[in-house]
Amino acid sequence: MKTLATFIATIAIVLIITSSIVISTIFGGLAAAALLLYSKKSHNKRAAAITSAWPEVIDHLISGIQSGLSISETLSGLSTRGPLVLRPYFLEFGDKMRVDGDFSAALLRLKTQCGQHGSDQIFEAIAISKSLGGNELLNILRTVGTFLRQDLALRREIEVKHGWIKNSAHLSAAAPWLLLLLLSSQPSTARAFSTPTGIFILTTGLVMTVIAYIWMDRLGRLPELPRVFGEE
């Protein structure tokens, strides 16, 4: 719904500036695509926030276990003391434990919902410790926490170095269209791009911009670590 509203609003605004339905439609499509990309970016930011939160979760788990709490109590307590982005998952875990008391089922559901490389390692260590009575859980959690922090630090360093390249690519993709918008305020330019040749040029430019942006995005995307303990 938001995408359609953005599409229509952009067409209306650009139509006022250029008096060209062709150029207005092109910019409407660009605005709608930009909104979709922004929504995807917001989703990626949430996933990145979840990934960054696991070392803090490990710290809370170690603190809770050292204070004498059981593993299930420590996990449930993360619904109020854990990272904000993960609290709903641990709240549901606590609710499930209160309903049927099945720790294994609740932990498996928690692992499935989180579905990340780091969370798999944490929950598998807890599951093994719970079922086999391992006394090395704290050491395992500390080791996992160290590895996760090192991986996050390396990824952040790479993202910073890639950031200026991505920003330059965004500017390069947007600059020709901003120039077109400025030039299209002149009636002669608007008429020229309303001809069959002009429409062909605009369409070709739009397709090339989309292809270049997708290619740039794929080149700058960091690979996700595989879920070694993920479900088959």
Protein backbone atom coordinates (compact mmCIF):
# COMPACT_ATOMS: atom_id res chain seq x y z
CA MET A 1 0.00 0.00 0.00
CA LYS A 2 2.82 2.41 0.88
CA THR A 3 4.59 1.53 -2.35
CA LEU A 4 1.50 2.32 -4.43
CA ALA A 5 0.95 5.58 -2.55
CA THR A 6 4.59 6.57 -3.13
CA PHE A 7 4.28 5.69 -6.81
CA ILE A 8 1.15 7.84 -7.28
CA ALA A 9 2.46 10.75 -5.19
CA THR A 10 5.76 10.86 -7.07
CA ILE A 11 3.98 10.83 -10.41
CA ALA A 12 1.80 13.73 -9.30
CA ILE A 13 4.75 15.80 -8.04
CA VAL A 14 6.99 15.18 -11.06
CA LEU A 15 4.06 15.79 -13.41
CA ILE A 16 3.68 19.26 -11.93
CA ILE A 17 7.38 19.95 -12.51
CA THR A 18 7.81 18.43 -15.96
CA SER A 19 4.26 18.20 -17.45
CA SER A 20 5.40 14.85 -18.92
CA ILE A 21 3.49 11.68 -18.03
CA VAL A 22 6.36 9.54 -19.38
CA ILE A 23 9.02 11.12 -17.16
CA SER A 24 6.61 11.17 -14.23
CA THR A 25 5.92 7.44 -14.58
CA ILE A 26 9.65 6.69 -14.74
CA PHE A 27 10.29 8.63 -11.54
CA GLY A 28 7.27 7.02 -9.91
CA GLY A 29 8.80 3.62 -10.60
CA LEU A 30 12.16 4.75 -9.24
CA ALA A 31 10.56 6.09 -6.07
CA ALA A 32 8.61 2.85 -5.54
CA ALA A 33 11.78 0.80 -6.06
CA ALA A 34 13.66 3.03 -3.62
CA LEU A 35 10.96 2.46 -0.99
CA LEU A 36 11.18 -1.31 -1.45
CA LEU A 37 14.97 -1.15 -1.10
CA TYR A 38 14.59 0.93 2.05
CA SER A 39 12.22 -1.66 3.52
CA LYS A 40 14.72 -4.41 2.71
CA LYS A 41 17.49 -2.36 4.29
CA SER A 42 15.41 -1.98 7.47
CA HIS A 43 14.98 -5.76 7.58
CA ASN A 44 18.72 -6.22 7.12
CA LYS A 45 19.40 -3.75 9.92
CA ARG A 46 17.20 -5.77 12.26
CA ALA A 47 19.03 -8.98 11.30
CA ALA A 48 22.37 -7.23 11.91
CA ALA A 49 21.14 -6.00 15.30
CA ILE A 50 20.16 -9.56 16.25
CA THR A 51 23.56 -10.86 15.13
CA SER A 52 25.33 -8.21 17.21
CA ALA A 53 23.29 -9.06 20.30
CA TRP A 54 24.49 -12.66 20.83
CA PRO A 55 27.70 -11.78 22.74
CA GLU A 56 25.56 -9.79 25.18
CA VAL A 57 23.22 -12.78 25.51
CA ILE A 58 26.21 -14.97 26.39
CA ASP A 59 27.29 -12.47 29.06
CA HIS A 60 23.81 -12.60 30.62
CA LEU A 61 23.76 -16.40 30.49
CA ILE A 62 27.14 -16.67 32.21
CA SER A 63 26.10 -14.14 34.85
CA GLY A 64 22.81 -15.94 35.53
CA ILE A 65 24.36 -19.40 35.78
CA GLN A 66 27.13 -18.13 38.07
CA SER A 67 24.52 -16.56 40.36
CA GLY A 68 22.89 -19.97 40.86
CA LEU A 69 19.95 -19.76 38.45
CA SER A 70 19.00 -22.75 36.31
CA ILE A 71 19.47 -22.59 32.55
CA SER A 72 15.72 -22.29 31.94
CA GLU A 73 15.41 -19.48 34.51
CA THR A 74 18.35 -17.66 32.97
CA LEU A 75 16.89 -17.92 29.47
CA SER A 76 13.48 -16.75 30.68
CA GLY A 77 15.11 -13.83 32.50
CA LEU A 78 16.48 -12.56 29.20
CA SER A 79 12.93 -11.44 28.34
CA THR A 80 13.49 -8.51 30.71
CA ARG A 81 17.28 -8.23 31.01
CA GLY A 82 18.44 -9.26 27.56
CA PRO A 83 18.94 -7.14 24.41
CA LEU A 84 15.73 -5.38 23.39
CA VAL A 85 15.70 -6.87 19.90
CA LEU A 86 15.70 -10.42 21.32
CA ARG A 87 13.36 -10.02 24.29
CA PRO A 88 10.19 -11.15 22.43
CA TYR A 89 11.86 -14.50 21.59
CA PHE A 90 12.84 -15.17 25.20
CA LEU A 91 9.44 -14.00 26.44
CA GLU A 92 7.80 -16.63 24.24
CA PHE A 93 10.30 -19.19 25.54
CA GLY A 94 9.28 -18.36 29.12
CA ASP A 95 5.59 -18.59 28.25
CA LYS A 96 6.08 -22.00 26.66
CA MET A 97 7.98 -23.24 29.69
CA ARG A 98 5.17 -22.13 31.99
CA VAL A 99 2.56 -23.85 29.83
CA ASP A 100 4.07 -27.32 29.35
CA GLY A 101 7.49 -27.24 31.01
CA ASP A 102 9.16 -29.00 28.08
CA PHE A 103 12.62 -27.43 28.00
CA SER A 104 13.84 -29.26 24.91
CA ALA A 105 10.80 -28.28 22.84
CA ALA A 106 10.95 -24.66 24.02
CA LEU A 107 14.68 -24.46 23.28
CA LEU A 108 14.21 -25.98 19.82
CA ARG A 109 11.50 -23.42 19.03
CA LEU A 110 13.76 -20.63 20.25
CA LYS A 111 16.59 -21.90 18.07
CA THR A 112 14.29 -22.10 15.03
CA GLN A 113 12.92 -18.59 15.55
CA CYS A 114 16.37 -17.00 15.90
CA GLY A 115 17.86 -19.04 13.06
CA GLN A 116 21.39 -17.64 13.03
CA HIS A 117 24.89 -19.08 13.14
CA GLY A 118 25.66 -17.57 16.54
CA SER A 119 22.37 -18.54 18.17
CA ASP A 120 22.73 -22.14 16.94
CA GLN A 121 26.07 -22.48 18.72
CA ILE A 122 24.68 -21.08 21.97
CA PHE A 123 21.53 -23.18 22.04
CA GLU A 124 23.30 -26.37 20.97
CA ALA A 125 25.78 -25.94 23.81
CA ILE A 126 22.89 -25.44 26.24
CA ALA A 127 20.99 -28.45 24.87
CA ILE A 128 24.03 -30.72 25.19
CA SER A 129 24.73 -29.45 28.70
CA LYS A 130 21.11 -29.96 29.75
CA SER A 131 20.83 -33.48 28.38
CA LEU A 132 24.31 -34.78 29.30
CA GLY A 133 24.91 -32.79 32.43
CA GLY A 134 28.07 -31.09 31.18
CA ASN A 135 30.05 -29.02 33.65
CA GLU A 136 31.91 -27.12 30.94
CA LEU A 137 28.98 -24.99 29.81
CA LEU A 138 30.49 -21.76 31.13
CA ASN A 139 33.80 -22.40 29.40
CA ILE A 140 31.99 -23.30 26.15
CA LEU A 141 29.90 -20.12 26.33
CA ARG A 142 32.99 -18.00 26.95
CA THR A 143 34.75 -19.58 23.96
CA VAL A 144 31.71 -19.07 21.72
CA GLY A 145 31.43 -15.47 22.92
CA THR A 146 35.07 -14.81 22.04
CA PHE A 147 34.64 -16.22 18.53
CA LEU A 148 31.44 -14.25 17.94
CA ARG A 149 33.03 -10.98 19.08
CA GLN A 150 36.03 -11.53 16.82
CA ASP A 151 33.78 -12.26 13.85
CA LEU A 152 31.62 -9.18 14.52
CA ALA A 153 34.68 -6.94 14.82
CA LEU A 154 36.05 -8.20 11.50
CA ARG A 155 32.70 -7.79 9.73
CA ARG A 156 32.28 -4.24 11.03
CA GLU A 157 35.75 -3.32 9.81
CA ILE A 158 34.94 -4.67 6.35
CA GLU A 159 31.56 -2.90 6.30
CA VAL A 160 33.20 0.43 7.13
CA LYS A 161 35.68 0.01 4.27
CA HIS A 162 32.89 -0.96 1.87
CA GLY A 163 30.64 1.86 3.03
CA TRP A 164 32.26 4.66 1.03
CA ILE A 165 32.21 2.48 -2.10
CA LYS A 166 28.47 1.83 -1.68
CA ASN A 167 27.76 5.51 -1.07
CA SER A 168 29.67 6.45 -4.22
CA ALA A 169 27.68 3.87 -6.18
CA HIS A 170 24.39 5.24 -4.82
CA LEU A 171 25.37 8.77 -5.83
CA SER A 172 26.46 7.59 -9.30
CA ALA A 173 23.12 5.84 -9.82
CA ALA A 174 21.04 8.80 -8.65
CA ALA A 175 22.97 11.65 -10.31
CA PRO A 176 21.75 11.14 -13.93
CA TRP A 177 18.13 10.98 -12.81
CA LEU A 178 18.42 14.10 -10.67
CA LEU A 179 19.95 15.87 -13.66
CA LEU A 180 17.09 14.63 -15.85
CA LEU A 181 14.57 15.98 -13.35
CA LEU A 182 16.21 19.40 -13.43
CA LEU A 183 16.43 19.48 -17.22
CA SER A 184 12.86 18.25 -17.63
CA SER A 185 11.56 21.42 -16.05
CA GLN A 186 12.23 22.89 -19.50
CA PRO A 187 9.31 22.13 -21.88
CA SER A 188 11.63 21.31 -24.78
CA THR A 189 13.40 18.59 -22.77
CA ALA A 190 10.12 17.13 -21.57
CA ARG A 191 8.82 16.98 -25.15
CA ALA A 192 12.03 15.34 -26.38
CA PHE A 193 11.78 12.52 -23.85
CA SER A 194 8.09 12.02 -24.64
CA THR A 195 8.91 10.87 -28.19
CA PRO A 196 9.41 7.15 -29.00
CA THR A 197 13.18 7.66 -29.08
CA GLY A 198 13.12 9.50 -25.76
CA ILE A 199 10.99 6.77 -24.17
CA PHE A 200 13.45 4.15 -25.44
CA ILE A 201 16.38 6.07 -23.94
CA LEU A 202 14.62 6.46 -20.58
CA THR A 203 13.62 2.79 -20.46
CA THR A 204 17.12 1.65 -21.38
CA GLY A 205 18.61 3.94 -18.75
CA LEU A 206 16.20 2.65 -16.13
CA VAL A 207 17.02 -0.99 -16.89
CA MET A 208 20.76 -0.28 -16.84
CA THR A 209 20.46 1.57 -13.52
CA VAL A 210 18.59 -1.36 -11.94
CA ILE A 211 21.11 -3.90 -13.25
CA ALA A 212 24.07 -1.81 -12.06
CA TYR A 213 22.52 -1.32 -8.62
CA ILE A 214 21.78 -5.03 -8.16
CA TRP A 215 25.30 -5.91 -9.30
CA MET A 216 26.81 -3.37 -6.90
CA ASP A 217 24.67 -4.66 -4.04
CA ARG A 218 25.75 -8.25 -4.63
CA LEU A 219 29.42 -7.33 -4.84
CA GLY A 220 29.23 -5.43 -1.56
CA ARG A 221 27.22 -8.06 0.34
CA LEU A 222 29.11 -10.02 2.98
CA PRO A 223 28.46 -13.78 2.91
CA GLU A 224 26.41 -15.17 5.76
CA LEU A 225 28.02 -17.79 7.95
CA PRO A 226 26.40 -21.22 7.44
CA ARG A 227 24.20 -22.67 10.16
CA VAL A 228 26.25 -25.71 11.17
CA PHE A 229 23.58 -26.81 13.66
CA GLY A 230 20.61 -25.62 11.60
CA GLU A 231 17.62 -27.80 10.93
CA GLU A 232 17.74 -30.02 7.87
